[in-house]
Amino acid sequence: MKILVYGAGVLGCNLARNLFHAGKDVTLLARGNWAEEIRKNGLRIKDQ
């Protein structure tokens, strides 16, 4: 099953991470400046 997470804010990124770690095929949709930042630098989520 393919899953689209619409919105790459804090909640969307964490949801996408959890689904990815569960082995799901996840696409994260971002728009505007945030999308450009992700394209340039990638997306890294750290657990503390």
PDB file of N, CA and C in Angstrom:
ATOM      1  N   MET A   1       0.846  -1.166   0.000  1.00  0.00           N
ATOM      2  CA  MET A   1       0.000   0.000   0.000  1.00  0.00           C
ATOM      3  C   MET A   1       0.895   1.234   0.000  1.00  0.00           C
ATOM      4  N   LYS A   2       0.577   2.203  -0.841  1.00  0.00           N
ATOM      5  CA  LYS A   2       1.305   3.469  -0.884  1.00  0.00           C
ATOM      6  C   LYS A   2       0.548   4.488  -0.049  1.00  0.00           C
ATOM      7  N   ILE A   3       1.289   5.278   0.718  1.00  0.00           N
ATOM      8  CA  ILE A   3       0.674   6.253   1.618  1.00  0.00           C
ATOM      9  C   ILE A   3       1.244   7.632   1.306  1.00  0.00           C
ATOM     10  N   LEU A   4       0.369   8.630   1.176  1.00  0.00           N
ATOM     11  CA  LEU A   4       0.765  10.019   0.988  1.00  0.00           C
ATOM     12  C   LEU A   4       0.443  10.780   2.262  1.00  0.00           C
ATOM     13  N   VAL A   5       1.456  11.422   2.830  1.00  0.00           N
ATOM     14  CA  VAL A   5       1.252  12.302   3.980  1.00  0.00           C
ATOM     15  C   VAL A   5       1.256  13.720   3.429  1.00  0.00           C
ATOM     16  N   TYR A   6       0.104  14.367   3.487  1.00  0.00           N
ATOM     17  CA  TYR A   6      -0.079  15.702   2.936  1.00  0.00           C
ATOM     18  C   TYR A   6       0.268  16.718   4.018  1.00  0.00           C
ATOM     19  N   GLY A   7       1.441  17.295   3.903  1.00  0.00           N
ATOM     20  CA  GLY A   7       1.882  18.294   4.866  1.00  0.00           C
ATOM     21  C   GLY A   7       3.148  17.840   5.569  1.00  0.00           C
ATOM     22  N   ALA A   8       4.214  18.606   5.397  1.00  0.00           N
ATOM     23  CA  ALA A   8       5.515  18.234   5.953  1.00  0.00           C
ATOM     24  C   ALA A   8       5.859  19.077   7.170  1.00  0.00           C
ATOM     25  N   GLY A   9       4.866  19.346   7.987  1.00  0.00           N
ATOM     26  CA  GLY A   9       5.124  20.038   9.242  1.00  0.00           C
ATOM     27  C   GLY A   9       5.627  19.044  10.280  1.00  0.00           C
ATOM     28  N   VAL A  10       5.626  19.450  11.514  1.00  0.00           N
ATOM     29  CA  VAL A  10       6.121  18.588  12.589  1.00  0.00           C
ATOM     30  C   VAL A  10       5.330  17.283  12.648  1.00  0.00           C
ATOM     31  N   LEU A  11       4.025  17.367  12.639  1.00  0.00           N
ATOM     32  CA  LEU A  11       3.207  16.151  12.748  1.00  0.00           C
ATOM     33  C   LEU A  11       3.319  15.269  11.513  1.00  0.00           C
ATOM     34  N   GLY A  12       3.281  15.881  10.336  1.00  0.00           N
ATOM     35  CA  GLY A  12       3.374  15.109   9.105  1.00  0.00           C
ATOM     36  C   GLY A  12       4.695  14.379   8.973  1.00  0.00           C
ATOM     37  N   CYS A  13       5.796  15.054   9.326  1.00  0.00           N
ATOM     38  CA  CYS A  13       7.118  14.431   9.251  1.00  0.00           C
ATOM     39  C   CYS A  13       7.229  13.273  10.236  1.00  0.00           C
ATOM     40  N   ASN A  14       6.734  13.445  11.427  1.00  0.00           N
ATOM     41  CA  ASN A  14       6.791  12.366  12.411  1.00  0.00           C
ATOM     42  C   ASN A  14       5.908  11.192  12.004  1.00  0.00           C
ATOM     43  N   LEU A  15       4.742  11.470  11.463  1.00  0.00           N
ATOM     44  CA  LEU A  15       3.877  10.397  10.976  1.00  0.00           C
ATOM     45  C   LEU A  15       4.554   9.634   9.846  1.00  0.00           C
ATOM     46  N   ALA A  16       5.141  10.371   8.898  1.00  0.00           N
ATOM     47  CA  ALA A  16       5.841   9.731   7.779  1.00  0.00           C
ATOM     48  C   ALA A  16       7.001   8.876   8.279  1.00  0.00           C
ATOM     49  N   ARG A  17       7.742   9.368   9.257  1.00  0.00           N
ATOM     50  CA  ARG A  17       8.857   8.605   9.827  1.00  0.00           C
ATOM     51  C   ARG A  17       8.364   7.305  10.456  1.00  0.00           C
ATOM     52  N   ASN A  18       7.289   7.391  11.237  1.00  0.00           N
ATOM     53  CA  ASN A  18       6.762   6.194  11.895  1.00  0.00           C
ATOM     54  C   ASN A  18       6.274   5.168  10.873  1.00  0.00           C
ATOM     55  N   LEU A  19       5.600   5.633   9.840  1.00  0.00           N
ATOM     56  CA  LEU A  19       5.125   4.726   8.801  1.00  0.00           C
ATOM     57  C   LEU A  19       6.295   4.101   8.045  1.00  0.00           C
ATOM     58  N   PHE A  20       7.317   4.901   7.758  1.00  0.00           N
ATOM     59  CA  PHE A  20       8.498   4.403   7.061  1.00  0.00           C
ATOM     60  C   PHE A  20       9.194   3.321   7.882  1.00  0.00           C
ATOM     61  N   HIS A  21       9.342   3.566   9.181  1.00  0.00           N
ATOM     62  CA  HIS A  21       9.982   2.580  10.053  1.00  0.00           C
ATOM     63  C   HIS A  21       9.143   1.309  10.185  1.00  0.00           C
ATOM     64  N   ALA A  22       7.847   1.429   9.933  1.00  0.00           N
ATOM     65  CA  ALA A  22       6.968   0.258   9.965  1.00  0.00           C
ATOM     66  C   ALA A  22       6.977  -0.492   8.632  1.00  0.00           C
ATOM     67  N   GLY A  23       7.809  -0.021   7.679  1.00  0.00           N
ATOM     68  CA  GLY A  23       7.944  -0.714   6.410  1.00  0.00           C
ATOM     69  C   GLY A  23       6.967  -0.301   5.336  1.00  0.00           C
ATOM     70  N   LYS A  24       6.295   0.815   5.512  1.00  0.00           N
ATOM     71  CA  LYS A  24       5.316   1.279   4.524  1.00  0.00           C
ATOM     72  C   LYS A  24       5.995   2.113   3.446  1.00  0.00           C
ATOM     73  N   ASP A  25       5.376   2.187   2.272  1.00  0.00           N
ATOM     74  CA  ASP A  25       5.840   3.014   1.160  1.00  0.00           C
ATOM     75  C   ASP A  25       5.214   4.392   1.341  1.00  0.00           C
ATOM     76  N   VAL A  26       6.006   5.373   1.800  1.00  0.00           N
ATOM     77  CA  VAL A  26       5.483   6.677   2.201  1.00  0.00           C
ATOM     78  C   VAL A  26       6.039   7.778   1.313  1.00  0.00           C
ATOM     79  N   THR A  27       5.166   8.683   0.898  1.00  0.00           N
ATOM     80  CA  THR A  27       5.564   9.903   0.219  1.00  0.00           C
ATOM     81  C   THR A  27       5.100  11.072   1.075  1.00  0.00           C
ATOM     82  N   LEU A  28       5.993  12.026   1.272  1.00  0.00           N
ATOM     83  CA  LEU A  28       5.709  13.210   2.081  1.00  0.00           C
ATOM     84  C   LEU A  28       5.575  14.399   1.145  1.00  0.00           C
ATOM     85  N   LEU A  29       4.433  15.094   1.201  1.00  0.00           N
ATOM     86  CA  LEU A  29       4.181  16.235   0.324  1.00  0.00           C
ATOM     87  C   LEU A  29       4.459  17.530   1.071  1.00  0.00           C
ATOM     88  N   ALA A  30       5.367  18.328   0.502  1.00  0.00           N
ATOM     89  CA  ALA A  30       5.694  19.633   1.075  1.00  0.00           C
ATOM     90  C   ALA A  30       5.510  20.692  -0.013  1.00  0.00           C
ATOM     91  N   ARG A  31       5.247  21.915   0.409  1.00  0.00           N
ATOM     92  CA  ARG A  31       5.062  23.006  -0.547  1.00  0.00           C
ATOM     93  C   ARG A  31       5.904  24.200  -0.136  1.00  0.00           C
ATOM     94  N   GLY A  32       6.090  25.111  -1.074  1.00  0.00           N
ATOM     95  CA  GLY A  32       6.718  26.398  -0.785  1.00  0.00           C
ATOM     96  C   GLY A  32       8.179  26.306  -0.372  1.00  0.00           C
ATOM     97  N   ASN A  33       8.563  27.211   0.516  1.00  0.00           N
ATOM     98  CA  ASN A  33       9.952  27.294   0.961  1.00  0.00           C
ATOM     99  C   ASN A  33      10.412  26.022   1.650  1.00  0.00           C
ATOM    100  N   TRP A  34       9.534  25.408   2.410  1.00  0.00           N
ATOM    101  CA  TRP A  34       9.899  24.188   3.123  1.00  0.00           C
ATOM    102  C   TRP A  34      10.211  23.067   2.132  1.00  0.00           C
ATOM    103  N   ALA A  35       9.467  22.973   1.046  1.00  0.00           N
ATOM    104  CA  ALA A  35       9.731  21.955   0.024  1.00  0.00           C
ATOM    105  C   ALA A  35      11.103  22.184  -0.599  1.00  0.00           C
ATOM    106  N   GLU A  36      11.453  23.423  -0.864  1.00  0.00           N
ATOM    107  CA  GLU A  36      12.756  23.743  -1.432  1.00  0.00           C
ATOM    108  C   GLU A  36      13.884  23.380  -0.464  1.00  0.00           C
ATOM    109  N   GLU A  37      13.687  23.653   0.821  1.00  0.00           N
ATOM    110  CA  GLU A  37      14.686  23.293   1.828  1.00  0.00           C
ATOM    111  C   GLU A  37      14.897  21.778   1.875  1.00  0.00           C
ATOM    112  N   ILE A  38      13.816  21.027   1.805  1.00  0.00           N
ATOM    113  CA  ILE A  38      13.926  19.568   1.834  1.00  0.00           C
ATOM    114  C   ILE A  38      14.638  19.066   0.583  1.00  0.00           C
ATOM    115  N   ARG A  39      14.321  19.645  -0.577  1.00  0.00           N
ATOM    116  CA  ARG A  39      14.994  19.240  -1.820  1.00  0.00           C
ATOM    117  C   ARG A  39      16.496  19.496  -1.742  1.00  0.00           C
ATOM    118  N   LYS A  40      16.876  20.639  -1.206  1.00  0.00           N
ATOM    119  CA  LYS A  40      18.290  21.005  -1.131  1.00  0.00           C
ATOM    120  C   LYS A  40      19.044  20.188  -0.091  1.00  0.00           C
ATOM    121  N   ASN A  41      18.470  20.048   1.104  1.00  0.00           N
ATOM    122  CA  ASN A  41      19.194  19.515   2.249  1.00  0.00           C
ATOM    123  C   ASN A  41      18.715  18.155   2.731  1.00  0.00           C
ATOM    124  N   GLY A  42      17.634  17.664   2.181  1.00  0.00           N
ATOM    125  CA  GLY A  42      17.069  16.411   2.666  1.00  0.00           C
ATOM    126  C   GLY A  42      16.298  16.637   3.958  1.00  0.00           C
ATOM    127  N   LEU A  43      15.755  15.576   4.488  1.00  0.00           N
ATOM    128  CA  LEU A  43      14.967  15.652   5.712  1.00  0.00           C
ATOM    129  C   LEU A  43      15.550  14.670   6.719  1.00  0.00           C
ATOM    130  N   ARG A  44      15.899  15.172   7.881  1.00  0.00           N
ATOM    131  CA  ARG A  44      16.475  14.325   8.919  1.00  0.00           C
ATOM    132  C   ARG A  44      15.664  14.565  10.197  1.00  0.00           C
ATOM    133  N   ILE A  45      15.193  13.474  10.794  1.00  0.00           N
ATOM    134  CA  ILE A  45      14.423  13.567  12.033  1.00  0.00           C
ATOM    135  C   ILE A  45      15.180  12.815  13.105  1.00  0.00           C
ATOM    136  N   LYS A  46      15.486  13.504  14.192  1.00  0.00           N
ATOM    137  CA  LYS A  46      16.248  12.901  15.282  1.00  0.00           C
ATOM    138  C   LYS A  46      15.332  12.657  16.470  1.00  0.00           C
ATOM    139  N   ASP A  47      15.549  11.534  17.141  1.00  0.00           N
ATOM    140  CA  ASP A  47      14.890  11.255  18.408  1.00  0.00           C
ATOM    141  C   ASP A  47      15.833  11.658  19.521  1.00  0.00           C
ATOM    142  N   GLN A  48      15.292  12.248  20.555  1.00  0.00           N
ATOM    143  CA  GLN A  48      16.152  12.653  21.679  1.00  0.00           C
ATOM    144  C   GLN A  48      15.817  11.862  22.899  1.00  0.00           C
TER     145      GLN A  48
END
